[in-house]
């Protein structure tokens, strides 16, 4: 089974996402879908 990714919108498939670091959210520029942004185990936040 493949790992779920947040590199594309699950609604429309667009890969152009707005990264909202401080609230751990990604926003699709086309359909405005909000995508929760979870860190992998051991991955440090960028900010």
N, C-alpha and C. Protein backbone atom coordinates (compact mmCIF):
# COMPACT_ATOMS: atom_id res chain seq x y z
N UNK A 1 0.85 -1.18 0.00
CA UNK A 1 0.00 0.00 0.00
C UNK A 1 0.89 1.23 0.00
N UNK A 2 0.58 2.21 -0.83
CA UNK A 2 1.41 3.40 -0.92
C UNK A 2 1.07 4.38 0.20
N UNK A 3 2.07 5.15 0.58
CA UNK A 3 1.92 6.15 1.63
C UNK A 3 1.11 7.33 1.12
N UNK A 4 0.17 7.82 1.94
CA UNK A 4 -0.62 8.98 1.55
C UNK A 4 0.29 10.20 1.50
N UNK A 5 0.14 11.02 0.48
CA UNK A 5 0.98 12.18 0.30
C UNK A 5 0.15 13.46 0.30
N UNK A 6 0.77 14.55 0.68
CA UNK A 6 0.09 15.84 0.62
C UNK A 6 0.77 16.72 -0.42
N UNK A 7 1.35 16.10 -1.44
CA UNK A 7 2.03 16.85 -2.50
C UNK A 7 1.08 17.23 -3.62
N UNK A 8 -0.16 16.74 -3.55
CA UNK A 8 -1.16 17.13 -4.54
C UNK A 8 -2.52 17.14 -3.86
N UNK A 9 -3.41 17.91 -4.43
CA UNK A 9 -4.76 18.05 -3.89
C UNK A 9 -5.54 16.74 -4.07
N UNK A 10 -6.13 16.21 -3.00
CA UNK A 10 -6.91 14.98 -3.15
C UNK A 10 -8.22 15.21 -3.89
N UNK A 11 -8.64 16.45 -3.99
CA UNK A 11 -9.91 16.78 -4.65
C UNK A 11 -9.76 16.94 -6.16
N UNK A 12 -8.74 17.72 -6.61
CA UNK A 12 -8.61 17.99 -8.04
C UNK A 12 -7.27 17.52 -8.63
N UNK A 13 -6.33 17.12 -7.79
CA UNK A 13 -5.05 16.60 -8.28
C UNK A 13 -4.00 17.66 -8.56
N UNK A 14 -4.31 18.93 -8.31
CA UNK A 14 -3.37 20.02 -8.56
C UNK A 14 -2.16 19.89 -7.62
N UNK A 15 -0.97 20.17 -8.15
CA UNK A 15 0.24 20.10 -7.33
C UNK A 15 0.70 21.48 -6.86
N UNK A 16 -0.02 22.52 -7.25
CA UNK A 16 0.32 23.88 -6.82
C UNK A 16 -0.46 24.19 -5.54
N UNK A 17 0.24 24.09 -4.42
CA UNK A 17 -0.40 24.27 -3.13
C UNK A 17 0.25 25.43 -2.38
N UNK A 18 -0.57 26.16 -1.63
CA UNK A 18 -0.06 27.22 -0.76
C UNK A 18 0.31 26.55 0.56
N UNK A 19 1.54 26.75 1.01
CA UNK A 19 2.01 26.14 2.24
C UNK A 19 1.82 27.11 3.41
N UNK A 20 0.98 26.73 4.33
CA UNK A 20 0.71 27.54 5.51
C UNK A 20 1.42 26.89 6.70
N UNK A 21 2.73 27.18 6.81
CA UNK A 21 3.60 26.52 7.78
C UNK A 21 3.09 26.65 9.22
N UNK A 22 2.70 27.85 9.62
CA UNK A 22 2.40 28.11 11.02
C UNK A 22 1.16 27.37 11.52
N UNK A 23 0.25 27.00 10.60
CA UNK A 23 -0.95 26.28 11.04
C UNK A 23 -1.00 24.85 10.48
N UNK A 24 0.12 24.38 9.93
CA UNK A 24 0.26 23.02 9.40
C UNK A 24 -0.88 22.67 8.45
N UNK A 25 -1.03 23.50 7.43
CA UNK A 25 -2.10 23.32 6.47
C UNK A 25 -1.59 23.66 5.08
N UNK A 26 -2.13 22.98 4.08
CA UNK A 26 -1.85 23.30 2.68
C UNK A 26 -3.18 23.66 2.04
N UNK A 27 -3.15 24.59 1.09
CA UNK A 27 -4.36 25.08 0.45
C UNK A 27 -4.17 24.98 -1.06
N UNK A 28 -5.12 24.32 -1.73
CA UNK A 28 -5.08 24.18 -3.18
C UNK A 28 -5.41 25.53 -3.82
N UNK A 29 -4.61 25.95 -4.79
CA UNK A 29 -4.83 27.24 -5.44
C UNK A 29 -6.02 27.21 -6.40
N UNK A 30 -6.44 26.03 -6.85
CA UNK A 30 -7.56 25.93 -7.79
C UNK A 30 -8.91 25.79 -7.08
N UNK A 31 -9.04 24.76 -6.25
CA UNK A 31 -10.35 24.48 -5.67
C UNK A 31 -10.46 24.89 -4.20
N UNK A 32 -9.37 25.44 -3.66
CA UNK A 32 -9.34 25.95 -2.28
C UNK A 32 -9.57 24.87 -1.22
N UNK A 33 -9.26 23.63 -1.56
CA UNK A 33 -9.36 22.55 -0.59
C UNK A 33 -8.27 22.72 0.45
N UNK A 34 -8.64 22.60 1.73
CA UNK A 34 -7.68 22.66 2.83
C UNK A 34 -7.20 21.25 3.11
N UNK A 35 -5.88 21.07 3.14
CA UNK A 35 -5.29 19.76 3.33
C UNK A 35 -4.46 19.78 4.62
N UNK A 36 -4.81 18.94 5.61
CA UNK A 36 -4.00 18.88 6.82
C UNK A 36 -2.58 18.46 6.47
N UNK A 37 -1.61 19.07 7.13
CA UNK A 37 -0.21 18.82 6.82
C UNK A 37 0.44 18.16 8.03
N UNK A 38 0.58 16.84 7.97
CA UNK A 38 1.16 16.08 9.06
C UNK A 38 2.63 15.80 8.79
N UNK A 39 3.45 15.90 9.81
CA UNK A 39 4.87 15.60 9.68
C UNK A 39 5.08 14.11 9.89
N UNK A 40 6.07 13.54 9.18
CA UNK A 40 6.44 12.16 9.40
C UNK A 40 7.11 12.02 10.76
N UNK A 41 7.10 10.83 11.29
CA UNK A 41 7.75 10.58 12.57
C UNK A 41 9.23 10.98 12.48
N UNK A 42 9.66 11.84 13.39
CA UNK A 42 11.05 12.30 13.41
C UNK A 42 11.31 13.49 12.53
N UNK A 43 10.36 13.90 11.71
CA UNK A 43 10.54 15.05 10.83
C UNK A 43 10.33 16.33 11.62
N UNK A 44 11.27 17.26 11.48
CA UNK A 44 11.19 18.52 12.21
C UNK A 44 10.45 19.57 11.39
N UNK A 45 9.64 20.41 12.04
CA UNK A 45 8.96 21.49 11.31
C UNK A 45 9.95 22.48 10.73
N UNK A 46 9.57 23.13 9.65
CA UNK A 46 10.46 24.08 8.99
C UNK A 46 10.62 25.36 9.78
N UNK A 47 9.63 25.73 10.57
CA UNK A 47 9.70 26.94 11.39
C UNK A 47 9.74 26.59 12.85
